[in-house]
Amino acid sequence: MSAVDSIFLAVNETPEEVAGWLTEVHGVERREDQAAGGEAVGLRGRVGDDWLGVVVQRNGYVLVDPEPGELQAIDGYGIDVGIRYRSEDVLHRESRLMFGRLVEAHPETAMLLLHDLDILVAAYLPGAGVHDFVPGTTQDAPDADHWRPWVVA
């Protein structure tokens, strides 16, 4: 069974354009079964003898006009980069590395790194830098006081 990490980016670019960023900065490649121009772009990268799976798509988790208790940290981010690997330790290492490379290559872009679409790991805001969250901080409304200064609205 694979685990999932996600990098959310506050951009208006298409999934195709962001997939190009990942190809350049992290060395992943388009999966052979992926047609160009789709709503979701499948990528893969070698990690040892296995493959890291990456899917770039629009953020489908945004709640339109959320009630105060439904607020999520990811609501202001247009692109979701989902990353899968069978070993959680390797997944988390590779995801953090990818996050760092994206921050370095695109310092104008706000980003969030999450584990399992729930736990906030890190945020990047242009001009403010990278912030690591206290372990266990969720992206949901009850933890908003912890993440609000580090996310785009």
N, C-alpha and C. Protein backbone atom coordinates (compact mmCIF):
# COMPACT_ATOMS: atom_id res chain seq x y z
N MET A 1 0.84 -1.18 0.00
CA MET A 1 0.00 0.00 0.00
C MET A 1 0.88 1.24 0.00
N SER A 2 0.51 2.25 -0.79
CA SER A 2 1.31 3.45 -0.86
C SER A 2 0.70 4.54 0.00
N ALA A 3 1.55 5.43 0.45
CA ALA A 3 1.12 6.61 1.18
C ALA A 3 1.10 7.77 0.18
N VAL A 4 0.54 8.90 0.59
CA VAL A 4 0.48 10.05 -0.31
C VAL A 4 0.92 11.32 0.42
N ASP A 5 1.72 12.11 -0.25
CA ASP A 5 2.05 13.46 0.18
C ASP A 5 1.56 14.38 -0.93
N SER A 6 1.37 15.64 -0.59
CA SER A 6 0.91 16.60 -1.58
C SER A 6 1.63 17.92 -1.41
N ILE A 7 1.91 18.54 -2.55
CA ILE A 7 2.41 19.91 -2.56
C ILE A 7 1.35 20.73 -3.27
N PHE A 8 0.83 21.72 -2.57
CA PHE A 8 -0.17 22.61 -3.15
C PHE A 8 0.53 23.91 -3.51
N LEU A 9 0.25 24.41 -4.72
CA LEU A 9 0.89 25.62 -5.22
C LEU A 9 -0.17 26.68 -5.50
N ALA A 10 0.09 27.92 -5.09
CA ALA A 10 -0.83 29.03 -5.32
C ALA A 10 -0.50 29.66 -6.67
N VAL A 11 -0.96 29.01 -7.73
CA VAL A 11 -0.69 29.47 -9.10
C VAL A 11 -1.95 29.34 -9.94
N ASN A 12 -1.93 30.03 -11.08
CA ASN A 12 -3.00 29.91 -12.05
C ASN A 12 -2.57 29.08 -13.25
N GLU A 13 -1.34 28.56 -13.23
CA GLU A 13 -0.85 27.76 -14.34
C GLU A 13 -1.67 26.48 -14.47
N THR A 14 -1.56 25.87 -15.64
CA THR A 14 -2.26 24.61 -15.89
C THR A 14 -1.46 23.46 -15.28
N PRO A 15 -2.10 22.32 -15.08
CA PRO A 15 -1.35 21.15 -14.63
C PRO A 15 -0.19 20.81 -15.56
N GLU A 16 -0.39 21.00 -16.84
CA GLU A 16 0.66 20.74 -17.83
C GLU A 16 1.89 21.63 -17.59
N GLU A 17 1.66 22.90 -17.32
CA GLU A 17 2.77 23.83 -17.07
C GLU A 17 3.51 23.46 -15.79
N VAL A 18 2.79 23.14 -14.74
CA VAL A 18 3.43 22.77 -13.48
C VAL A 18 4.17 21.44 -13.62
N ALA A 19 3.63 20.53 -14.41
CA ALA A 19 4.35 19.27 -14.68
C ALA A 19 5.70 19.57 -15.32
N GLY A 20 5.75 20.57 -16.19
CA GLY A 20 7.01 20.99 -16.78
C GLY A 20 8.00 21.49 -15.74
N TRP A 21 7.50 22.21 -14.74
CA TRP A 21 8.37 22.66 -13.64
C TRP A 21 9.01 21.45 -12.96
N LEU A 22 8.18 20.44 -12.68
CA LEU A 22 8.68 19.26 -11.95
C LEU A 22 9.68 18.47 -12.78
N THR A 23 9.47 18.42 -14.08
CA THR A 23 10.41 17.75 -14.96
C THR A 23 11.77 18.45 -14.89
N GLU A 24 11.74 19.77 -14.87
CA GLU A 24 12.97 20.55 -14.83
C GLU A 24 13.66 20.48 -13.47
N VAL A 25 12.93 20.65 -12.38
CA VAL A 25 13.58 20.79 -11.07
C VAL A 25 13.77 19.48 -10.31
N HIS A 26 12.98 18.46 -10.63
CA HIS A 26 13.10 17.22 -9.86
C HIS A 26 13.43 16.01 -10.74
N GLY A 27 13.52 16.21 -12.04
CA GLY A 27 13.94 15.13 -12.92
C GLY A 27 12.93 14.03 -13.14
N VAL A 28 11.65 14.29 -12.83
CA VAL A 28 10.63 13.29 -13.12
C VAL A 28 10.30 13.33 -14.61
N GLU A 29 9.68 12.29 -15.09
CA GLU A 29 9.33 12.21 -16.51
C GLU A 29 7.85 11.90 -16.66
N ARG A 30 7.31 12.29 -17.81
CA ARG A 30 5.90 11.99 -18.10
C ARG A 30 5.75 10.48 -18.26
N ARG A 31 4.70 9.96 -17.66
CA ARG A 31 4.40 8.55 -17.87
C ARG A 31 4.03 8.34 -19.32
N GLU A 32 4.47 7.25 -19.89
CA GLU A 32 4.25 6.98 -21.31
C GLU A 32 2.78 6.89 -21.68
N ASP A 33 1.93 6.52 -20.73
CA ASP A 33 0.50 6.38 -21.02
C ASP A 33 -0.27 7.69 -20.86
N GLN A 34 0.43 8.81 -20.65
CA GLN A 34 -0.22 10.09 -20.43
C GLN A 34 -0.19 10.96 -21.68
N ALA A 35 -1.34 11.32 -22.17
CA ALA A 35 -1.44 12.23 -23.31
C ALA A 35 -1.20 13.66 -22.84
N ALA A 36 -0.63 14.48 -23.68
CA ALA A 36 -0.38 15.88 -23.35
C ALA A 36 -1.70 16.64 -23.27
N GLY A 37 -1.75 17.65 -22.39
CA GLY A 37 -2.89 18.53 -22.32
C GLY A 37 -4.05 18.07 -21.47
N GLY A 38 -3.89 16.98 -20.71
CA GLY A 38 -4.98 16.48 -19.88
C GLY A 38 -5.17 17.31 -18.62
N GLU A 39 -6.29 17.08 -17.96
CA GLU A 39 -6.57 17.76 -16.70
C GLU A 39 -5.71 17.25 -15.56
N ALA A 40 -5.22 16.03 -15.69
CA ALA A 40 -4.28 15.47 -14.71
C ALA A 40 -3.08 14.93 -15.50
N VAL A 41 -1.90 15.28 -15.04
CA VAL A 41 -0.68 14.86 -15.72
C VAL A 41 0.05 13.88 -14.82
N GLY A 42 0.26 12.67 -15.32
CA GLY A 42 0.97 11.63 -14.57
C GLY A 42 2.46 11.67 -14.88
N LEU A 43 3.26 11.68 -13.81
CA LEU A 43 4.71 11.69 -13.93
C LEU A 43 5.26 10.56 -13.08
N ARG A 44 6.53 10.25 -13.31
CA ARG A 44 7.18 9.25 -12.46
C ARG A 44 8.66 9.59 -12.37
N GLY A 45 9.26 9.13 -11.28
CA GLY A 45 10.68 9.34 -11.07
C GLY A 45 11.29 8.13 -10.41
N ARG A 46 12.50 7.82 -10.78
CA ARG A 46 13.20 6.67 -10.21
C ARG A 46 13.67 6.96 -8.79
N VAL A 47 13.39 6.04 -7.89
CA VAL A 47 13.90 6.08 -6.53
C VAL A 47 14.42 4.68 -6.26
N GLY A 48 15.74 4.53 -6.31
CA GLY A 48 16.31 3.19 -6.17
C GLY A 48 15.85 2.31 -7.30
N ASP A 49 15.29 1.15 -6.95
CA ASP A 49 14.80 0.21 -7.96
C ASP A 49 13.31 0.34 -8.22
N ASP A 50 12.68 1.39 -7.70
CA ASP A 50 11.23 1.53 -7.80
C ASP A 50 10.88 2.91 -8.37
N TRP A 51 9.57 3.14 -8.55
CA TRP A 51 9.09 4.39 -9.11
C TRP A 51 8.32 5.21 -8.09
N LEU A 52 8.58 6.49 -8.09
CA LEU A 52 7.81 7.48 -7.36
C LEU A 52 6.73 7.95 -8.32
N GLY A 53 5.48 7.91 -7.91
CA GLY A 53 4.38 8.36 -8.76
C GLY A 53 3.98 9.77 -8.41
N VAL A 54 3.76 10.60 -9.43
CA VAL A 54 3.38 12.00 -9.24
C VAL A 54 2.21 12.32 -10.17
N VAL A 55 1.17 12.96 -9.63
CA VAL A 55 0.04 13.41 -10.44
C VAL A 55 -0.15 14.90 -10.17
N VAL A 56 -0.17 15.68 -11.24
CA VAL A 56 -0.38 17.13 -11.15
C VAL A 56 -1.78 17.42 -11.67
N GLN A 57 -2.58 18.08 -10.84
CA GLN A 57 -3.96 18.39 -11.22
C GLN A 57 -4.43 19.65 -10.51
N ARG A 58 -5.55 20.16 -10.96
CA ARG A 58 -6.14 21.31 -10.26
C ARG A 58 -6.58 20.86 -8.87
N ASN A 59 -6.56 21.78 -7.94
CA ASN A 59 -6.97 21.49 -6.58
C ASN A 59 -8.48 21.25 -6.56
N GLY A 60 -8.87 19.99 -6.42
CA GLY A 60 -10.27 19.62 -6.39
C GLY A 60 -10.86 19.57 -4.99
N TYR A 61 -10.09 20.00 -4.00
CA TYR A 61 -10.54 19.93 -2.61
C TYR A 61 -11.04 21.27 -2.08
N VAL A 62 -10.99 22.30 -2.93
CA VAL A 62 -11.39 23.64 -2.50
C VAL A 62 -12.89 23.66 -2.20
N LEU A 63 -13.23 24.23 -1.07
CA LEU A 63 -14.63 24.43 -0.72
C LEU A 63 -15.02 25.84 -1.11
N VAL A 64 -16.04 25.98 -1.95
CA VAL A 64 -16.52 27.29 -2.35
C VAL A 64 -17.39 27.83 -1.22
N ASP A 65 -17.10 29.04 -0.78
CA ASP A 65 -17.83 29.68 0.33
C ASP A 65 -17.96 28.76 1.54
N PRO A 66 -16.83 28.34 2.12
CA PRO A 66 -16.91 27.45 3.27
C PRO A 66 -17.48 28.15 4.51
N GLU A 67 -18.17 27.40 5.31
CA GLU A 67 -18.61 27.90 6.61
C GLU A 67 -17.35 28.05 7.47
N PRO A 68 -17.40 28.85 8.54
CA PRO A 68 -16.20 29.05 9.36
C PRO A 68 -15.55 27.75 9.84
N GLY A 69 -16.31 26.75 10.15
CA GLY A 69 -15.76 25.48 10.62
C GLY A 69 -15.24 24.58 9.51
N GLU A 70 -15.45 24.98 8.25
CA GLU A 70 -15.03 24.17 7.11
C GLU A 70 -13.77 24.71 6.43
N LEU A 71 -13.24 25.80 6.93
CA LEU A 71 -12.06 26.43 6.36
C LEU A 71 -10.90 25.44 6.29
N GLN A 72 -10.15 25.47 5.17
CA GLN A 72 -8.99 24.61 4.99
C GLN A 72 -7.79 25.45 4.56
N ALA A 73 -6.61 25.08 4.95
CA ALA A 73 -5.40 25.80 4.56
C ALA A 73 -5.18 25.78 3.06
N ILE A 74 -5.65 24.74 2.37
CA ILE A 74 -5.37 24.58 0.94
C ILE A 74 -6.35 25.32 0.04
N ASP A 75 -7.32 26.02 0.59
CA ASP A 75 -8.36 26.65 -0.22
C ASP A 75 -7.83 27.69 -1.21
N GLY A 76 -6.72 28.35 -0.92
CA GLY A 76 -6.19 29.38 -1.81
C GLY A 76 -5.16 28.89 -2.81
N TYR A 77 -5.04 27.58 -2.97
CA TYR A 77 -4.00 27.00 -3.81
C TYR A 77 -4.63 26.30 -5.02
N GLY A 78 -4.20 26.68 -6.23
CA GLY A 78 -4.83 26.20 -7.44
C GLY A 78 -4.39 24.84 -7.95
N ILE A 79 -3.18 24.42 -7.60
CA ILE A 79 -2.64 23.16 -8.13
C ILE A 79 -2.27 22.21 -6.99
N ASP A 80 -2.59 20.96 -7.19
CA ASP A 80 -2.28 19.87 -6.26
C ASP A 80 -1.30 18.92 -6.96
N VAL A 81 -0.14 18.73 -6.35
CA VAL A 81 0.83 17.76 -6.83
C VAL A 81 0.81 16.60 -5.85
N GLY A 82 0.18 15.50 -6.25
CA GLY A 82 0.09 14.31 -5.40
C GLY A 82 1.28 13.40 -5.66
N ILE A 83 1.91 12.93 -4.58
CA ILE A 83 3.12 12.12 -4.68
C ILE A 83 2.88 10.83 -3.92
N ARG A 84 3.16 9.70 -4.58
CA ARG A 84 2.94 8.38 -3.96
C ARG A 84 4.19 7.53 -4.04
N TYR A 85 4.36 6.75 -2.97
CA TYR A 85 5.43 5.76 -2.92
C TYR A 85 5.06 4.75 -1.86
N ARG A 86 5.52 3.54 -2.00
CA ARG A 86 5.10 2.48 -1.08
C ARG A 86 5.71 2.60 0.31
N SER A 87 6.88 3.21 0.44
CA SER A 87 7.52 3.41 1.74
C SER A 87 7.30 4.84 2.20
N GLU A 88 6.68 5.02 3.37
CA GLU A 88 6.40 6.37 3.86
C GLU A 88 7.67 7.15 4.12
N ASP A 89 8.70 6.52 4.66
CA ASP A 89 9.95 7.24 4.94
C ASP A 89 10.55 7.81 3.66
N VAL A 90 10.61 7.00 2.62
CA VAL A 90 11.15 7.45 1.33
C VAL A 90 10.24 8.50 0.73
N LEU A 91 8.94 8.30 0.80
CA LEU A 91 7.98 9.27 0.28
C LEU A 91 8.18 10.63 0.93
N HIS A 92 8.25 10.67 2.25
CA HIS A 92 8.38 11.94 2.95
C HIS A 92 9.71 12.62 2.60
N ARG A 93 10.77 11.84 2.47
CA ARG A 93 12.08 12.40 2.09
C ARG A 93 12.01 13.00 0.68
N GLU A 94 11.46 12.24 -0.27
CA GLU A 94 11.39 12.71 -1.65
C GLU A 94 10.45 13.90 -1.79
N SER A 95 9.34 13.90 -1.07
CA SER A 95 8.39 15.01 -1.13
C SER A 95 9.02 16.29 -0.59
N ARG A 96 9.75 16.17 0.52
CA ARG A 96 10.42 17.35 1.10
C ARG A 96 11.48 17.88 0.15
N LEU A 97 12.19 16.98 -0.49
CA LEU A 97 13.21 17.37 -1.47
C LEU A 97 12.56 18.09 -2.66
N MET A 98 11.45 17.54 -3.16
CA MET A 98 10.73 18.17 -4.27
C MET A 98 10.21 19.54 -3.87
N PHE A 99 9.65 19.65 -2.67
CA PHE A 99 9.16 20.93 -2.14
C PHE A 99 10.30 21.95 -2.12
N GLY A 100 11.44 21.56 -1.58
CA GLY A 100 12.59 22.47 -1.51
C GLY A 100 13.07 22.92 -2.87
N ARG A 101 13.10 21.99 -3.81
CA ARG A 101 13.53 22.35 -5.17
C ARG A 101 12.54 23.29 -5.85
N LEU A 102 11.25 23.07 -5.62
CA LEU A 102 10.25 23.97 -6.19
C LEU A 102 10.36 25.37 -5.57
N VAL A 103 10.57 25.44 -4.27
CA VAL A 103 10.74 26.73 -3.61
C VAL A 103 11.94 27.47 -4.20
N GLU A 104 13.03 26.76 -4.38
CA GLU A 104 14.24 27.37 -4.92
C GLU A 104 14.04 27.84 -6.37
N ALA A 105 13.38 27.03 -7.18
CA ALA A 105 13.20 27.35 -8.59
C ALA A 105 12.08 28.37 -8.85
N HIS A 106 11.09 28.43 -7.94
CA HIS A 106 9.93 29.32 -8.13
C HIS A 106 9.65 30.09 -6.84
N PRO A 107 10.58 30.95 -6.43
CA PRO A 107 10.41 31.67 -5.16
C PRO A 107 9.25 32.67 -5.14
N GLU A 108 8.65 32.89 -6.28
CA GLU A 108 7.49 33.79 -6.36
C GLU A 108 6.18 33.07 -6.04
N THR A 109 6.23 31.76 -5.81
CA THR A 109 5.03 30.94 -5.66
C THR A 109 4.87 30.42 -4.23
N ALA A 110 3.73 30.71 -3.62
CA ALA A 110 3.41 30.17 -2.30
C ALA A 110 3.10 28.68 -2.43
N MET A 111 3.54 27.88 -1.43
CA MET A 111 3.36 26.42 -1.48
C MET A 111 3.10 25.86 -0.09
N LEU A 112 2.43 24.72 -0.09
CA LEU A 112 2.20 23.95 1.14
C LEU A 112 2.61 22.51 0.89
N LEU A 113 3.19 21.87 1.90
CA LEU A 113 3.51 20.44 1.86
C LEU A 113 2.67 19.76 2.93
N LEU A 114 1.91 18.72 2.52
CA LEU A 114 1.04 17.99 3.44
C LEU A 114 1.29 16.49 3.35
N HIS A 115 1.05 15.79 4.45
CA HIS A 115 1.00 14.33 4.47
C HIS A 115 -0.47 13.92 4.49
N ASP A 116 -0.82 12.98 3.66
CA ASP A 116 -2.16 12.37 3.63
C ASP A 116 -3.30 13.39 3.55
N LEU A 117 -3.08 14.49 2.83
CA LEU A 117 -4.08 15.55 2.64
C LEU A 117 -4.65 16.09 3.94
N ASP A 118 -3.92 15.93 5.03
CA ASP A 118 -4.43 16.33 6.33
C ASP A 118 -3.40 17.08 7.16
N ILE A 119 -2.22 16.53 7.29
CA ILE A 119 -1.21 17.08 8.19
C ILE A 119 -0.30 18.05 7.45
N LEU A 120 -0.26 19.30 7.92
CA LEU A 120 0.63 20.30 7.35
C LEU A 120 2.05 20.04 7.82
N VAL A 121 2.96 19.97 6.88
CA VAL A 121 4.37 19.76 7.18
C VAL A 121 5.13 21.08 7.10
N ALA A 122 4.95 21.78 5.98
CA ALA A 122 5.69 23.03 5.76
C ALA A 122 4.90 23.95 4.84
N ALA A 123 5.20 25.23 4.94
CA ALA A 123 4.63 26.24 4.06
C ALA A 123 5.76 27.13 3.57
N TYR A 124 5.57 27.65 2.37
CA TYR A 124 6.49 28.65 1.86
C TYR A 124 5.67 29.84 1.40
N LEU A 125 6.07 31.03 1.85
CA LEU A 125 5.47 32.28 1.38
C LEU A 125 6.57 33.17 0.83
N PRO A 126 6.40 33.69 -0.37
CA PRO A 126 7.40 34.61 -0.92
C PRO A 126 7.65 35.77 0.05
N GLY A 127 8.90 36.05 0.27
CA GLY A 127 9.29 37.13 1.18
C GLY A 127 9.33 36.74 2.63
N ALA A 128 8.70 35.65 3.00
CA ALA A 128 8.68 35.21 4.40
C ALA A 128 9.51 33.95 4.62
N GLY A 129 9.68 33.15 3.58
CA GLY A 129 10.48 31.94 3.69
C GLY A 129 9.66 30.70 3.98
N VAL A 130 10.37 29.67 4.42
CA VAL A 130 9.76 28.36 4.72
C VAL A 130 9.46 28.29 6.21
N HIS A 131 8.30 27.76 6.52
CA HIS A 131 7.90 27.54 7.91
C HIS A 131 7.56 26.06 8.09
N ASP A 132 8.17 25.42 9.07
CA ASP A 132 7.84 24.03 9.42
C ASP A 132 6.80 24.04 10.54
N PHE A 133 5.74 23.30 10.33
CA PHE A 133 4.67 23.26 11.32
C PHE A 133 4.98 22.26 12.43
N VAL A 134 4.40 22.49 13.58
CA VAL A 134 4.50 21.56 14.69
C VAL A 134 3.87 20.24 14.23
N PRO A 135 4.52 19.10 14.46
CA PRO A 135 3.95 17.82 14.03
C PRO A 135 2.50 17.66 14.52
N GLY A 136 1.65 17.19 13.62
CA GLY A 136 0.25 16.97 13.95
C GLY A 136 -0.67 18.13 13.62
N THR A 137 -0.13 19.25 13.11
CA THR A 137 -0.96 20.38 12.74
C THR A 137 -1.78 20.01 11.51
N THR A 138 -3.10 20.08 11.63
CA THR A 138 -3.96 19.73 10.49
C THR A 138 -4.21 20.97 9.64
N GLN A 139 -4.70 20.74 8.44
CA GLN A 139 -5.02 21.84 7.55
C GLN A 139 -6.45 22.33 7.75
N ASP A 140 -7.10 21.85 8.77
CA ASP A 140 -8.51 22.17 9.02
C ASP A 140 -8.68 23.34 9.97
N ALA A 141 -9.91 23.85 10.04
CA ALA A 141 -10.26 25.04 10.80
C ALA A 141 -9.79 25.03 12.26
N PRO A 142 -9.88 23.92 13.01
CA PRO A 142 -9.45 23.98 14.40
C PRO A 142 -7.98 24.39 14.59
N ASP A 143 -7.15 24.17 13.57
CA ASP A 143 -5.73 24.55 13.67
C ASP A 143 -5.42 25.84 12.91
N ALA A 144 -6.44 26.57 12.48
CA ALA A 144 -6.26 27.76 11.65
C ALA A 144 -5.35 28.80 12.30
N ASP A 145 -5.40 28.95 13.60
CA ASP A 145 -4.53 29.95 14.26
C ASP A 145 -3.06 29.62 14.05
N HIS A 146 -2.74 28.34 13.88
CA HIS A 146 -1.35 27.93 13.66
C HIS A 146 -0.90 28.15 12.22
N TRP A 147 -1.81 27.95 11.26
CA TRP A 147 -1.40 28.03 9.87
C TRP A 147 -1.79 29.32 9.15
N ARG A 148 -2.77 30.04 9.64
CA ARG A 148 -3.26 31.23 8.93
C ARG A 148 -2.15 32.21 8.51
N PRO A 149 -1.15 32.51 9.37
CA PRO A 149 -0.10 33.45 8.94
C PRO A 149 0.78 32.92 7.81
N TRP A 150 0.70 31.62 7.51
CA TRP A 150 1.60 30.99 6.55
C TRP A 150 0.92 30.50 5.28
N VAL A 151 -0.36 30.84 5.08
CA VAL A 151 -1.05 30.41 3.87
C VAL A 151 -1.65 31.60 3.14
N VAL A 152 -1.92 31.40 1.84
CA VAL A 152 -2.61 32.44 1.08
C VAL A 152 -4.11 32.20 1.19
N ALA A 153 -4.85 33.29 1.21
CA ALA A 153 -6.31 33.17 1.35
C ALA A 153 -6.97 33.10 0.00
